């Protein structure tokens, strides 16, 4: 399992971070930024657990598999959120003002 490549969405993350500076209330940009960070952390944690188990035998196989499954579900959720945001943007861009 490879870690999440955040370079593809770096500009979106930077825009989200700039948009939420100084805001006390949660915003969609902040929520997406948090989801992206959580997904990346889960991917890295699952990869580390796998490497520890494979290389040094540390941990239990079912714990490693559980972490990998959680990372996979989180990544799929992130993709669905991205798809919904893209669809919403496309729909909004079609509206005539």
Protein backbone atom coordinates (compact mmCIF):
# COMPACT_ATOMS: atom_id res chain seq x y z
CA UNK A 1 0.00 0.00 0.00
CA UNK A 2 1.52 3.29 -1.01
CA UNK A 3 1.02 6.51 0.95
CA UNK A 4 -1.45 9.06 -0.29
CA UNK A 5 0.16 11.31 -2.88
CA UNK A 6 -0.96 14.73 -1.73
CA UNK A 7 1.03 16.55 -4.39
CA UNK A 8 -1.92 16.20 -6.76
CA UNK A 9 -4.16 18.16 -4.46
CA UNK A 10 -1.53 20.47 -2.96
CA UNK A 11 -2.98 23.61 -4.54
CA UNK A 12 -6.46 22.71 -3.28
CA UNK A 13 -5.09 22.15 0.20
CA UNK A 14 -3.24 25.47 0.14
CA UNK A 15 -6.38 27.27 -1.00
CA UNK A 16 -8.36 25.57 1.74
CA UNK A 17 -5.83 26.54 4.37
CA UNK A 18 -5.70 30.14 3.17
CA UNK A 19 -9.48 30.34 3.07
CA UNK A 20 -9.89 29.24 6.69
CA UNK A 21 -7.24 31.42 8.31
CA UNK A 22 -8.87 33.66 10.83
CA UNK A 23 -12.19 31.80 10.77
CA UNK A 24 -13.50 30.51 14.08
CA UNK A 25 -16.30 28.44 12.59
CA UNK A 26 -15.76 25.23 10.62
CA UNK A 27 -16.00 25.58 6.87
CA UNK A 28 -16.17 23.06 4.04
CA UNK A 29 -12.61 23.97 3.06
CA UNK A 30 -11.40 23.33 6.61
CA UNK A 31 -13.30 20.06 6.80
CA UNK A 32 -11.81 18.86 3.50
CA UNK A 33 -8.35 19.91 4.66
CA UNK A 34 -8.81 17.94 7.88
CA UNK A 35 -10.08 14.91 5.96
CA UNK A 36 -7.07 15.07 3.65
CA UNK A 37 -4.68 15.22 6.60
CA UNK A 38 -6.46 12.37 8.38
CA UNK A 39 -6.38 10.23 5.24
CA UNK A 40 -2.68 10.84 4.79
CA UNK A 41 -1.98 10.01 8.44
CA UNK A 42 -4.00 6.77 8.21
CA UNK A 43 -2.15 5.75 5.04
CA UNK A 44 1.24 6.41 6.65
CA UNK A 45 0.24 4.59 9.84
CA UNK A 46 -0.94 1.54 7.91
CA UNK A 47 2.23 1.51 5.84
CA UNK A 48 4.41 1.74 8.96
CA UNK A 49 2.46 -1.05 10.67
CA UNK A 50 2.87 -3.24 7.59
CA UNK A 51 6.60 -2.54 7.37
CA UNK A 52 7.08 -3.22 11.09
CA UNK A 53 5.22 -6.51 10.80
CA UNK A 54 6.90 -7.60 7.58
CA UNK A 55 10.46 -6.62 8.48
CA UNK A 56 10.70 -7.22 12.21
CA UNK A 57 7.63 -9.24 13.12
CA UNK A 58 6.32 -6.52 15.45
CA UNK A 59 2.59 -6.47 16.07
CA UNK A 60 -0.22 -8.80 15.13
CA UNK A 61 -1.35 -9.56 11.60
CA UNK A 62 -5.00 -8.78 12.35
CA UNK A 63 -4.02 -5.34 13.72
CA UNK A 64 -2.05 -4.60 10.56
CA UNK A 65 -4.95 -5.72 8.38
CA UNK A 66 -7.37 -3.61 10.43
CA UNK A 67 -5.21 -0.51 9.99
CA UNK A 68 -4.92 -1.16 6.26
CA UNK A 69 -8.70 -1.60 5.95
CA UNK A 70 -9.34 1.63 7.88
CA UNK A 71 -6.90 3.50 5.64
CA UNK A 72 -8.60 2.06 2.55
CA UNK A 73 -12.08 3.10 3.73
CA UNK A 74 -10.85 6.58 4.63
CA UNK A 75 -9.21 6.95 1.20
CA UNK A 76 -12.37 5.80 -0.59
CA UNK A 77 -14.41 8.26 1.47
CA UNK A 78 -12.00 11.06 0.51
CA UNK A 79 -12.41 10.16 -3.16
CA UNK A 80 -16.19 10.21 -2.87
CA UNK A 81 -16.12 13.61 -1.16
CA UNK A 82 -13.85 14.90 -3.92
CA UNK A 83 -16.19 13.51 -6.57
CA UNK A 84 -19.22 15.12 -4.95
CA UNK A 85 -17.43 18.46 -4.68
CA UNK A 86 -16.40 18.23 -8.32
CA UNK A 87 -19.96 17.39 -9.37
CA UNK A 88 -21.32 20.28 -7.31
CA UNK A 89 -18.81 22.69 -8.84
CA UNK A 90 -19.68 21.49 -12.34
CA UNK A 91 -23.38 21.95 -11.61
CA UNK A 92 -22.80 25.44 -10.20
CA UNK A 93 -20.72 26.45 -13.20
CA UNK A 94 -23.63 25.55 -15.51
CA UNK A 95 -25.99 27.94 -13.73
CA UNK A 96 -26.64 31.18 -15.53
CA UNK A 97 -26.55 34.22 -13.37
